[in-house]
Each structure stands twice: as structure tokens, then as C-alpha cells.
Amino acid sequence: MATTFTWGINTLERETDDGFVFNAHYTVNANDGTYSSGAYGSVGFQRPDNLIPYADLTEDTVIGWVKEALGGDEKVSEIEAALQAQIDEQRAPSKAAGVPWAS
């Protein structure tokens, strides 16, 4: 089954005088219908030349900023590949614990 990756924004840190968002806390969740994995992080932003009013921000806009700040498509692919590897390990574990005589 194909894995779905969902990016989300948990919270934003901003300056109260003009609404400049200087930090975003994000999550990435991976789910293949049976197994799941996730990651959490935060990323800071430089003040842009053209500030979007805080009230006009959308989650999609900020997710785009996060992905760009992380390093663009290449870094996004690395993060998603790491989450996929965790799901693959859950599906077919490469390590186990126990004793052979236990039933």
C-alpha cells in the first residue's frame, strides 16, 4: 500500500507588533493504512521584504515556507524517505528479541 505523508503546522511564533512569523513548529506524519511514523521539528525564518499579514496566513503557505527553509524538495524527500524506512521496518522487522524455547 502507498504511504501518505501529511505535513502540518502545530504553532507559530510571531512578533506582536507586526505579526512577523519568525518560527514554525511542524509535524510530518507518514501512514500506509497499517503502520505509521512521524517527525516533529521547528524552523526559523528571516524577515521577508513583503510581510504577509498574520491574519492572512494559511497552513499551506507556512508549510511551503517550512519546506523551503529545510532545504527544498531534496530535504523534504530525505525526511519522507526516513519516515518510509521506519514504516518498512515496522512491516518487516530486521531485528527481534526473545528466546527460542518460549512458546
PDB file of N, CA and C in Angstrom:
ATOM      1  N   MET A   1       0.848  -1.188   0.000  1.00  0.00           N
ATOM      2  CA  MET A   1       0.000   0.000   0.000  1.00  0.00           C
ATOM      3  C   MET A   1       0.890   1.247   0.000  1.00  0.00           C
ATOM      4  N   ALA A   2       0.467   2.266  -0.671  1.00  0.00           N
ATOM      5  CA  ALA A   2       1.230   3.510  -0.755  1.00  0.00           C
ATOM      6  C   ALA A   2       1.176   4.271   0.569  1.00  0.00           C
ATOM      7  N   THR A   3       2.265   4.916   0.861  1.00  0.00           N
ATOM      8  CA  THR A   3       2.348   5.717   2.081  1.00  0.00           C
ATOM      9  C   THR A   3       1.923   7.143   1.786  1.00  0.00           C
ATOM     10  N   THR A   4       1.115   7.696   2.675  1.00  0.00           N
ATOM     11  CA  THR A   4       0.686   9.080   2.579  1.00  0.00           C
ATOM     12  C   THR A   4       1.469   9.900   3.590  1.00  0.00           C
ATOM     13  N   PHE A   5       2.035  11.009   3.140  1.00  0.00           N
ATOM     14  CA  PHE A   5       2.783  11.918   4.010  1.00  0.00           C
ATOM     15  C   PHE A   5       1.955  13.178   4.221  1.00  0.00           C
ATOM     16  N   THR A   6       1.750  13.540   5.474  1.00  0.00           N
ATOM     17  CA  THR A   6       0.943  14.706   5.807  1.00  0.00           C
ATOM     18  C   THR A   6       1.780  15.682   6.620  1.00  0.00           C
ATOM     19  N   TRP A   7       1.958  16.875   6.087  1.00  0.00           N
ATOM     20  CA  TRP A   7       2.679  17.941   6.783  1.00  0.00           C
ATOM     21  C   TRP A   7       1.672  18.831   7.487  1.00  0.00           C
ATOM     22  N   GLY A   8       2.013  19.272   8.683  1.00  0.00           N
ATOM     23  CA  GLY A   8       1.127  20.146   9.428  1.00  0.00           C
ATOM     24  C   GLY A   8       1.912  21.159  10.250  1.00  0.00           C
ATOM     25  N   ILE A   9       1.239  22.198  10.650  1.00  0.00           N
ATOM     26  CA  ILE A   9       1.838  23.238  11.496  1.00  0.00           C
ATOM     27  C   ILE A   9       1.169  23.175  12.860  1.00  0.00           C
ATOM     28  N   ASN A  10       1.983  22.995  13.900  1.00  0.00           N
ATOM     29  CA  ASN A  10       1.450  22.936  15.263  1.00  0.00           C
ATOM     30  C   ASN A  10       1.249  24.322  15.856  1.00  0.00           C
ATOM     31  N   THR A  11       2.254  25.162  15.702  1.00  0.00           N
ATOM     32  CA  THR A  11       2.151  26.519  16.249  1.00  0.00           C
ATOM     33  C   THR A  11       3.152  27.428  15.547  1.00  0.00           C
ATOM     34  N   LEU A  12       2.860  28.703  15.601  1.00  0.00           N
ATOM     35  CA  LEU A  12       3.743  29.733  15.044  1.00  0.00           C
ATOM     36  C   LEU A  12       4.160  30.668  16.151  1.00  0.00           C
ATOM     37  N   GLU A  13       5.397  31.131  16.056  1.00  0.00           N
ATOM     38  CA  GLU A  13       5.870  32.175  16.957  1.00  0.00           C
ATOM     39  C   GLU A  13       6.003  33.443  16.120  1.00  0.00           C
ATOM     40  N   ARG A  14       5.474  34.552  16.662  1.00  0.00           N
ATOM     41  CA  ARG A  14       5.437  35.787  15.882  1.00  0.00           C
ATOM     42  C   ARG A  14       5.709  36.992  16.770  1.00  0.00           C
ATOM     43  N   GLU A  15       6.043  38.069  16.100  1.00  0.00           N
ATOM     44  CA  GLU A  15       6.173  39.354  16.780  1.00  0.00           C
ATOM     45  C   GLU A  15       4.783  39.984  16.827  1.00  0.00           C
ATOM     46  N   THR A  16       4.408  40.503  17.986  1.00  0.00           N
ATOM     47  CA  THR A  16       3.041  41.009  18.142  1.00  0.00           C
ATOM     48  C   THR A  16       2.821  42.375  17.501  1.00  0.00           C
ATOM     49  N   ASP A  17       3.895  43.138  17.278  1.00  0.00           N
ATOM     50  CA  ASP A  17       3.688  44.474  16.711  1.00  0.00           C
ATOM     51  C   ASP A  17       3.290  44.444  15.236  1.00  0.00           C
ATOM     52  N   ASP A  18       3.848  43.499  14.467  1.00  0.00           N
ATOM     53  CA  ASP A  18       3.519  43.466  13.036  1.00  0.00           C
ATOM     54  C   ASP A  18       3.135  42.071  12.521  1.00  0.00           C
ATOM     55  N   GLY A  19       3.156  41.059  13.397  1.00  0.00           N
ATOM     56  CA  GLY A  19       2.750  39.714  13.002  1.00  0.00           C
ATOM     57  C   GLY A  19       3.806  38.898  12.287  1.00  0.00           C
ATOM     58  N   PHE A  20       5.049  39.386  12.223  1.00  0.00           N
ATOM     59  CA  PHE A  20       6.113  38.641  11.557  1.00  0.00           C
ATOM     60  C   PHE A  20       6.300  37.295  12.235  1.00  0.00           C
ATOM     61  N   VAL A  21       6.133  36.221  11.464  1.00  0.00           N
ATOM     62  CA  VAL A  21       6.326  34.862  11.973  1.00  0.00           C
ATOM     63  C   VAL A  21       7.810  34.528  11.841  1.00  0.00           C
ATOM     64  N   PHE A  22       8.451  34.319  12.984  1.00  0.00           N
ATOM     65  CA  PHE A  22       9.887  34.042  12.970  1.00  0.00           C
ATOM     66  C   PHE A  22      10.213  32.577  13.236  1.00  0.00           C
ATOM     67  N   ASN A  23       9.212  31.774  13.632  1.00  0.00           N
ATOM     68  CA  ASN A  23       9.458  30.363  13.900  1.00  0.00           C
ATOM     69  C   ASN A  23       8.165  29.572  13.696  1.00  0.00           C
ATOM     70  N   ALA A  24       8.303  28.392  13.110  1.00  0.00           N
ATOM     71  CA  ALA A  24       7.157  27.495  12.939  1.00  0.00           C
ATOM     72  C   ALA A  24       7.522  26.122  13.484  1.00  0.00           C
ATOM     73  N   HIS A  25       6.602  25.531  14.212  1.00  0.00           N
ATOM     74  CA  HIS A  25       6.737  24.165  14.713  1.00  0.00           C
ATOM     75  C   HIS A  25       5.861  23.289  13.829  1.00  0.00           C
ATOM     76  N   TYR A  26       6.464  22.260  13.256  1.00  0.00           N
ATOM     77  CA  TYR A  26       5.769  21.446  12.259  1.00  0.00           C
ATOM     78  C   TYR A  26       5.820  19.960  12.595  1.00  0.00           C
ATOM     79  N   THR A  27       4.925  19.211  11.970  1.00  0.00           N
ATOM     80  CA  THR A  27       4.947  17.758  12.042  1.00  0.00           C
ATOM     81  C   THR A  27       4.880  17.194  10.632  1.00  0.00           C
ATOM     82  N   VAL A  28       5.418  15.992  10.494  1.00  0.00           N
ATOM     83  CA  VAL A  28       5.274  15.220   9.266  1.00  0.00           C
ATOM     84  C   VAL A  28       4.827  13.831   9.710  1.00  0.00           C
ATOM     85  N   ASN A  29       3.693  13.394   9.229  1.00  0.00           N
ATOM     86  CA  ASN A  29       3.185  12.074   9.564  1.00  0.00           C
ATOM     87  C   ASN A  29       3.117  11.225   8.313  1.00  0.00           C
ATOM     88  N   ALA A  30       3.541   9.972   8.457  1.00  0.00           N
ATOM     89  CA  ALA A  30       3.502   9.015   7.358  1.00  0.00           C
ATOM     90  C   ALA A  30       2.589   7.864   7.777  1.00  0.00           C
ATOM     91  N   ASN A  31       1.736   7.417   6.858  1.00  0.00           N
ATOM     92  CA  ASN A  31       0.805   6.340   7.175  1.00  0.00           C
ATOM     93  C   ASN A  31       0.546   5.530   5.913  1.00  0.00           C
ATOM     94  N   ASP A  32       0.644   4.206   6.048  1.00  0.00           N
ATOM     95  CA  ASP A  32       0.368   3.349   4.894  1.00  0.00           C
ATOM     96  C   ASP A  32      -0.938   2.568   5.048  1.00  0.00           C
ATOM     97  N   GLY A  33      -1.748   2.970   6.018  1.00  0.00           N
ATOM     98  CA  GLY A  33      -3.005   2.293   6.261  1.00  0.00           C
ATOM     99  C   GLY A  33      -2.912   1.278   7.385  1.00  0.00           C
ATOM    100  N   THR A  34      -1.710   0.772   7.638  1.00  0.00           N
ATOM    101  CA  THR A  34      -1.469  -0.179   8.722  1.00  0.00           C
ATOM    102  C   THR A  34      -0.442   0.364   9.698  1.00  0.00           C
ATOM    103  N   TYR A  35       0.640   0.870   9.177  1.00  0.00           N
ATOM    104  CA  TYR A  35       1.745   1.362  10.000  1.00  0.00           C
ATOM    105  C   TYR A  35       1.871   2.870   9.845  1.00  0.00           C
ATOM    106  N   SER A  36       2.455   3.491  10.877  1.00  0.00           N
ATOM    107  CA  SER A  36       2.639   4.941  10.812  1.00  0.00           C
ATOM    108  C   SER A  36       3.940   5.338  11.485  1.00  0.00           C
ATOM    109  N   SER A  37       4.398   6.515  11.134  1.00  0.00           N
ATOM    110  CA  SER A  37       5.608   7.087  11.697  1.00  0.00           C
ATOM    111  C   SER A  37       5.460   8.601  11.627  1.00  0.00           C
ATOM    112  N   GLY A  38       6.232   9.316  12.415  1.00  0.00           N
ATOM    113  CA  GLY A  38       6.114  10.762  12.393  1.00  0.00           C
ATOM    114  C   GLY A  38       7.368  11.459  12.855  1.00  0.00           C
ATOM    115  N   ALA A  39       7.430  12.735  12.563  1.00  0.00           N
ATOM    116  CA  ALA A  39       8.547  13.577  12.980  1.00  0.00           C
ATOM    117  C   ALA A  39       8.013  14.948  13.360  1.00  0.00           C
ATOM    118  N   TYR A  40       8.736  15.601  14.238  1.00  0.00           N
ATOM    119  CA  TYR A  40       8.377  16.934  14.712  1.00  0.00           C
ATOM    120  C   TYR A  40       9.629  17.797  14.644  1.00  0.00           C
ATOM    121  N   GLY A  41       9.461  19.052  14.286  1.00  0.00           N
ATOM    122  CA  GLY A  41      10.600  19.957  14.255  1.00  0.00           C
ATOM    123  C   GLY A  41      10.151  21.393  14.290  1.00  0.00           C
ATOM    124  N   SER A  42      11.127  22.270  14.304  1.00  0.00           N
ATOM    125  CA  SER A  42      10.844  23.694  14.209  1.00  0.00           C
ATOM    126  C   SER A  42      11.891  24.323  13.313  1.00  0.00           C
ATOM    127  N   VAL A  43      11.504  25.404  12.689  1.00  0.00           N
ATOM    128  CA  VAL A  43      12.394  26.095  11.770  1.00  0.00           C
ATOM    129  C   VAL A  43      12.166  27.590  11.904  1.00  0.00           C
ATOM    130  N   GLY A  44      13.244  28.343  11.808  1.00  0.00           N
ATOM    131  CA  GLY A  44      13.163  29.791  11.899  1.00  0.00           C
ATOM    132  C   GLY A  44      13.171  30.437  10.523  1.00  0.00           C
ATOM    133  N   PHE A  45      12.636  31.644  10.471  1.00  0.00           N
ATOM    134  CA  PHE A  45      12.546  32.385   9.219  1.00  0.00           C
ATOM    135  C   PHE A  45      13.212  33.750   9.352  1.00  0.00           C
ATOM    136  N   GLN A  46      13.756  34.218   8.235  1.00  0.00           N
ATOM    137  CA  GLN A  46      14.268  35.578   8.149  1.00  0.00           C
ATOM    138  C   GLN A  46      13.101  36.501   7.789  1.00  0.00           C
ATOM    139  N   ARG A  47      13.193  37.741   8.238  1.00  0.00           N
ATOM    140  CA  ARG A  47      12.144  38.712   7.916  1.00  0.00           C
ATOM    141  C   ARG A  47      12.124  38.948   6.400  1.00  0.00           C
ATOM    142  N   PRO A  48      10.950  38.767   5.771  1.00  0.00           N
ATOM    143  CA  PRO A  48      10.859  38.984   4.328  1.00  0.00           C
ATOM    144  C   PRO A  48      10.725  40.466   3.997  1.00  0.00           C
ATOM    145  N   ASP A  49      10.955  40.792   2.738  1.00  0.00           N
ATOM    146  CA  ASP A  49      10.764  42.168   2.282  1.00  0.00           C
ATOM    147  C   ASP A  49       9.281  42.535   2.282  1.00  0.00           C
ATOM    148  N   ASN A  50       8.445  41.586   1.895  1.00  0.00           N
ATOM    149  CA  ASN A  50       6.996  41.818   1.846  1.00  0.00           C
ATOM    150  C   ASN A  50       6.322  40.907   2.862  1.00  0.00           C
ATOM    151  N   LEU A  51       5.885  41.485   3.945  1.00  0.00           N
ATOM    152  CA  LEU A  51       5.275  40.735   5.032  1.00  0.00           C
ATOM    153  C   LEU A  51       3.806  40.441   4.735  1.00  0.00           C
ATOM    154  N   ILE A  52       3.443  39.164   4.801  1.00  0.00           N
ATOM    155  CA  ILE A  52       2.033  38.783   4.657  1.00  0.00           C
ATOM    156  C   ILE A  52       1.377  39.007   6.016  1.00  0.00           C
ATOM    157  N   PRO A  53       0.251  39.697   6.069  1.00  0.00           N
ATOM    158  CA  PRO A  53      -0.413  39.904   7.359  1.00  0.00           C
ATOM    159  C   PRO A  53      -0.703  38.562   8.040  1.00  0.00           C
ATOM    160  N   TYR A  54      -0.443  38.518   9.326  1.00  0.00           N
ATOM    161  CA  TYR A  54      -0.626  37.293  10.103  1.00  0.00           C
ATOM    162  C   TYR A  54      -2.018  36.691   9.882  1.00  0.00           C
ATOM    163  N   ALA A  55      -3.044  37.504   9.891  1.00  0.00           N
ATOM    164  CA  ALA A  55      -4.417  37.020   9.733  1.00  0.00           C
ATOM    165  C   ALA A  55      -4.659  36.400   8.356  1.00  0.00           C
ATOM    166  N   ASP A  56      -3.812  36.711   7.383  1.00  0.00           N
ATOM    167  CA  ASP A  56      -3.984  36.197   6.025  1.00  0.00           C
ATOM    168  C   ASP A  56      -3.193  34.920   5.757  1.00  0.00           C
ATOM    169  N   LEU A  57      -2.383  34.473   6.713  1.00  0.00           N
ATOM    170  CA  LEU A  57      -1.587  33.260   6.516  1.00  0.00           C
ATOM    171  C   LEU A  57      -2.488  32.035   6.486  1.00  0.00           C
ATOM    172  N   THR A  58      -2.096  31.074   5.648  1.00  0.00           N
ATOM    173  CA  THR A  58      -2.770  29.779   5.624  1.00  0.00           C
ATOM    174  C   THR A  58      -1.752  28.709   5.997  1.00  0.00           C
ATOM    175  N   GLU A  59      -2.257  27.560   6.417  1.00  0.00           N
ATOM    176  CA  GLU A  59      -1.348  26.467   6.755  1.00  0.00           C
ATOM    177  C   GLU A  59      -0.525  26.061   5.536  1.00  0.00           C
ATOM    178  N   ASP A  60      -1.129  26.013   4.370  1.00  0.00           N
ATOM    179  CA  ASP A  60      -0.397  25.648   3.156  1.00  0.00           C
ATOM    180  C   ASP A  60       0.751  26.608   2.871  1.00  0.00           C
ATOM    181  N   THR A  61       0.519  27.901   3.080  1.00  0.00           N
ATOM    182  CA  THR A  61       1.576  28.890   2.870  1.00  0.00           C
ATOM    183  C   THR A  61       2.741  28.623   3.808  1.00  0.00           C
ATOM    184  N   VAL A  62       2.442  28.412   5.084  1.00  0.00           N
ATOM    185  CA  VAL A  62       3.509  28.206   6.073  1.00  0.00           C
ATOM    186  C   VAL A  62       4.216  26.877   5.845  1.00  0.00           C
ATOM    187  N   ILE A  63       3.489  25.838   5.445  1.00  0.00           N
ATOM    188  CA  ILE A  63       4.140  24.563   5.120  1.00  0.00           C
ATOM    189  C   ILE A  63       5.132  24.762   3.977  1.00  0.00           C
ATOM    190  N   GLY A  64       4.768  25.560   2.997  1.00  0.00           N
ATOM    191  CA  GLY A  64       5.695  25.883   1.903  1.00  0.00           C
ATOM    192  C   GLY A  64       6.944  26.572   2.418  1.00  0.00           C
ATOM    193  N   TRP A  65       6.774  27.514   3.350  1.00  0.00           N
ATOM    194  CA  TRP A  65       7.921  28.195   3.951  1.00  0.00           C
ATOM    195  C   TRP A  65       8.810  27.188   4.681  1.00  0.00           C
ATOM    196  N   VAL A  66       8.175  26.284   5.441  1.00  0.00           N
ATOM    197  CA  VAL A  66       8.923  25.288   6.213  1.00  0.00           C
ATOM    198  C   VAL A  66       9.748  24.415   5.278  1.00  0.00           C
ATOM    199  N   LYS A  67       9.116  23.900   4.251  1.00  0.00           N
ATOM    200  CA  LYS A  67       9.831  23.028   3.312  1.00  0.00           C
ATOM    201  C   LYS A  67      10.993  23.754   2.654  1.00  0.00           C
ATOM    202  N   GLU A  68      10.779  25.003   2.284  1.00  0.00           N
ATOM    203  CA  GLU A  68      11.851  25.785   1.676  1.00  0.00           C
ATOM    204  C   GLU A  68      12.984  26.037   2.666  1.00  0.00           C
ATOM    205  N   ALA A  69      12.627  26.395   3.897  1.00  0.00           N
ATOM    206  CA  ALA A  69      13.639  26.667   4.925  1.00  0.00           C
ATOM    207  C   ALA A  69      14.438  25.414   5.277  1.00  0.00           C
ATOM    208  N   LEU A  70      13.813  24.246   5.165  1.00  0.00           N
ATOM    209  CA  LEU A  70      14.508  22.991   5.456  1.00  0.00           C
ATOM    210  C   LEU A  70      15.513  22.627   4.368  1.00  0.00           C
ATOM    211  N   GLY A  71      15.338  23.155   3.185  1.00  0.00           N
ATOM    212  CA  GLY A  71      16.251  22.843   2.098  1.00  0.00           C
ATOM    213  C   GLY A  71      15.567  22.453   0.805  1.00  0.00           C
ATOM    214  N   GLY A  72      14.284  22.688   0.728  1.00  0.00           N
ATOM    215  CA  GLY A  72      13.555  22.437  -0.516  1.00  0.00           C
ATOM    216  C   GLY A  72      13.219  20.972  -0.729  1.00  0.00           C
ATOM    217  N   ASP A  73      12.915  20.642  -1.985  1.00  0.00           N
ATOM    218  CA  ASP A  73      12.438  19.308  -2.336  1.00  0.00           C
ATOM    219  C   ASP A  73      13.404  18.199  -1.947  1.00  0.00           C
ATOM    220  N   GLU A  74      14.712  18.456  -2.059  1.00  0.00           N
ATOM    221  CA  GLU A  74      15.699  17.429  -1.733  1.00  0.00           C
ATOM    222  C   GLU A  74      15.609  17.035  -0.255  1.00  0.00           C
ATOM    223  N   LYS A  75      15.547  18.023   0.628  1.00  0.00           N
ATOM    224  CA  LYS A  75      15.462  17.739   2.060  1.00  0.00           C
ATOM    225  C   LYS A  75      14.113  17.129   2.417  1.00  0.00           C
ATOM    226  N   VAL A  76      13.033  17.608   1.810  1.00  0.00           N
ATOM    227  CA  VAL A  76      11.707  17.034   2.038  1.00  0.00           C
ATOM    228  C   VAL A  76      11.720  15.553   1.663  1.00  0.00           C
ATOM    229  N   SER A  77      12.343  15.222   0.539  1.00  0.00           N
ATOM    230  CA  SER A  77      12.439  13.825   0.102  1.00  0.00           C
ATOM    231  C   SER A  77      13.229  12.986   1.105  1.00  0.00           C
ATOM    232  N   GLU A  78      14.295  13.550   1.668  1.00  0.00           N
ATOM    233  CA  GLU A  78      15.089  12.834   2.670  1.00  0.00           C
ATOM    234  C   GLU A  78      14.267  12.553   3.929  1.00  0.00           C
ATOM    235  N   ILE A  79      13.520  13.541   4.384  1.00  0.00           N
ATOM    236  CA  ILE A  79      12.687  13.367   5.574  1.00  0.00           C
ATOM    237  C   ILE A  79      11.628  12.292   5.321  1.00  0.00           C
ATOM    238  N   GLU A  80      10.964  12.380   4.191  1.00  0.00           N
ATOM    239  CA  GLU A  80       9.926  11.408   3.874  1.00  0.00           C
ATOM    240  C   GLU A  80      10.512  10.013   3.671  1.00  0.00           C
ATOM    241  N   ALA A  81      11.719   9.913   3.109  1.00  0.00           N
ATOM    242  CA  ALA A  81      12.380   8.609   2.943  1.00  0.00           C
ATOM    243  C   ALA A  81      12.725   8.002   4.300  1.00  0.00           C
ATOM    244  N   ALA A  82      13.145   8.825   5.249  1.00  0.00           N
ATOM    245  CA  ALA A  82      13.451   8.322   6.590  1.00  0.00           C
ATOM    246  C   ALA A  82      12.189   7.798   7.276  1.00  0.00           C
ATOM    247  N   LEU A  83      11.081   8.500   7.107  1.00  0.00           N
ATOM    248  CA  LEU A  83       9.819   8.028   7.683  1.00  0.00           C
ATOM    249  C   LEU A  83       9.362   6.743   6.983  1.00  0.00           C
ATOM    250  N   GLN A  84       9.560   6.669   5.678  1.00  0.00           N
ATOM    251  CA  GLN A  84       9.214   5.448   4.943  1.00  0.00           C
ATOM    252  C   GLN A  84      10.051   4.273   5.440  1.00  0.00           C
ATOM    253  N   ALA A  85      11.325   4.512   5.719  1.00  0.00           N
ATOM    254  CA  ALA A  85      12.197   3.451   6.239  1.00  0.00           C
ATOM    255  C   ALA A  85      11.693   2.949   7.589  1.00  0.00           C
ATOM    256  N   GLN A  86      11.176   3.837   8.419  1.00  0.00           N
ATOM    257  CA  GLN A  86      10.626   3.422   9.711  1.00  0.00           C
ATOM    258  C   GLN A  86       9.386   2.550   9.510  1.00  0.00           C
ATOM    259  N   ILE A  87       8.545   2.914   8.559  1.00  0.00           N
ATOM    260  CA  ILE A  87       7.366   2.103   8.264  1.00  0.00           C
ATOM    261  C   ILE A  87       7.783   0.748   7.701  1.00  0.00           C
ATOM    262  N   ASP A  88       8.770   0.739   6.804  1.00  0.00           N
ATOM    263  CA  ASP A  88       9.259  -0.519   6.233  1.00  0.00           C
ATOM    264  C   ASP A  88       9.793  -1.435   7.330  1.00  0.00           C
ATOM    265  N   GLU A  89      10.462  -0.860   8.319  1.00  0.00           N
ATOM    266  CA  GLU A  89      10.993  -1.642   9.440  1.00  0.00           C
ATOM    267  C   GLU A  89       9.859  -2.210  10.291  1.00  0.00           C
ATOM    268  N   GLN A  90       8.799  -1.454  10.467  1.00  0.00           N
ATOM    269  CA  GLN A  90       7.641  -1.964  11.205  1.00  0.00           C
ATOM    270  C   GLN A  90       6.990  -3.134  10.449  1.00  0.00           C
ATOM    271  N   ARG A  91       6.922  -2.995   9.144  1.00  0.00           N
ATOM    272  CA  ARG A  91       6.267  -4.002   8.304  1.00  0.00           C
ATOM    273  C   ARG A  91       7.077  -5.305   8.277  1.00  0.00           C
ATOM    274  N   ALA A  92       8.385  -5.199   8.191  1.00  0.00           N
ATOM    275  CA  ALA A  92       9.275  -6.369   8.108  1.00  0.00           C
ATOM    276  C   ALA A  92      10.492  -6.106   9.001  1.00  0.00           C
ATOM    277  N   PRO A  93      10.350  -6.342  10.298  1.00  0.00           N
ATOM    278  CA  PRO A  93      11.437  -6.030  11.240  1.00  0.00           C
ATOM    279  C   PRO A  93      12.733  -6.765  10.895  1.00  0.00           C
ATOM    280  N   SER A  94      13.843  -6.050  11.028  1.00  0.00           N
ATOM    281  CA  SER A  94      15.154  -6.640  10.772  1.00  0.00           C
ATOM    282  C   SER A  94      15.797  -7.149  12.057  1.00  0.00           C
ATOM    283  N   LYS A  95      15.175  -6.903  13.199  1.00  0.00           N
ATOM    284  CA  LYS A  95      15.690  -7.341  14.491  1.00  0.00           C
ATOM    285  C   LYS A  95      14.521  -7.832  15.329  1.00  0.00           C
ATOM    286  N   ALA A  96      14.834  -8.770  16.241  1.00  0.00           N
ATOM    287  CA  ALA A  96      13.812  -9.291  17.142  1.00  0.00           C
ATOM    288  C   ALA A  96      14.478  -9.665  18.457  1.00  0.00           C
ATOM    289  N   ALA A  97      13.682  -9.832  19.491  1.00  0.00           N
ATOM    290  CA  ALA A  97      14.174 -10.229  20.801  1.00  0.00           C
ATOM    291  C   ALA A  97      13.362 -11.412  21.300  1.00  0.00           C
ATOM    292  N   GLY A  98      13.932 -12.165  22.174  1.00  0.00           N
ATOM    293  CA  GLY A  98      13.221 -13.301  22.751  1.00  0.00           C
ATOM    294  C   GLY A  98      14.151 -14.484  22.906  1.00  0.00           C
ATOM    295  N   VAL A  99      13.577 -15.630  23.229  1.00  0.00           N
ATOM    296  CA  VAL A  99      14.342 -16.867  23.358  1.00  0.00           C
ATOM    297  C   VAL A  99      13.635 -17.939  22.531  1.00  0.00           C
ATOM    298  N   PRO A 100      14.384 -18.896  21.973  1.00  0.00           N
ATOM    299  CA  PRO A 100      13.781 -19.868  21.081  1.00  0.00           C
ATOM    300  C   PRO A 100      12.885 -20.891  21.790  1.00  0.00           C
ATOM    301  N   TRP A 101      13.017 -21.047  23.073  1.00  0.00           N
ATOM    302  CA  TRP A 101      12.235 -22.068  23.778  1.00  0.00           C
ATOM    303  C   TRP A 101      10.919 -21.573  24.344  1.00  0.00           C
ATOM    304  N   ALA A 102      10.659 -20.275  24.217  1.00  0.00           N
ATOM    305  CA  ALA A 102       9.392 -19.735  24.720  1.00  0.00           C
ATOM    306  C   ALA A 102       8.298 -19.933  23.673  1.00  0.00           C
ATOM    307  N   SER A 103       7.158 -20.348  24.115  1.00  0.00           N
ATOM    308  CA  SER A 103       6.040 -20.533  23.178  1.00  0.00           C
ATOM    309  C   SER A 103       4.975 -19.515  23.408  1.00  0.00           C
TER     310      SER A 103
END
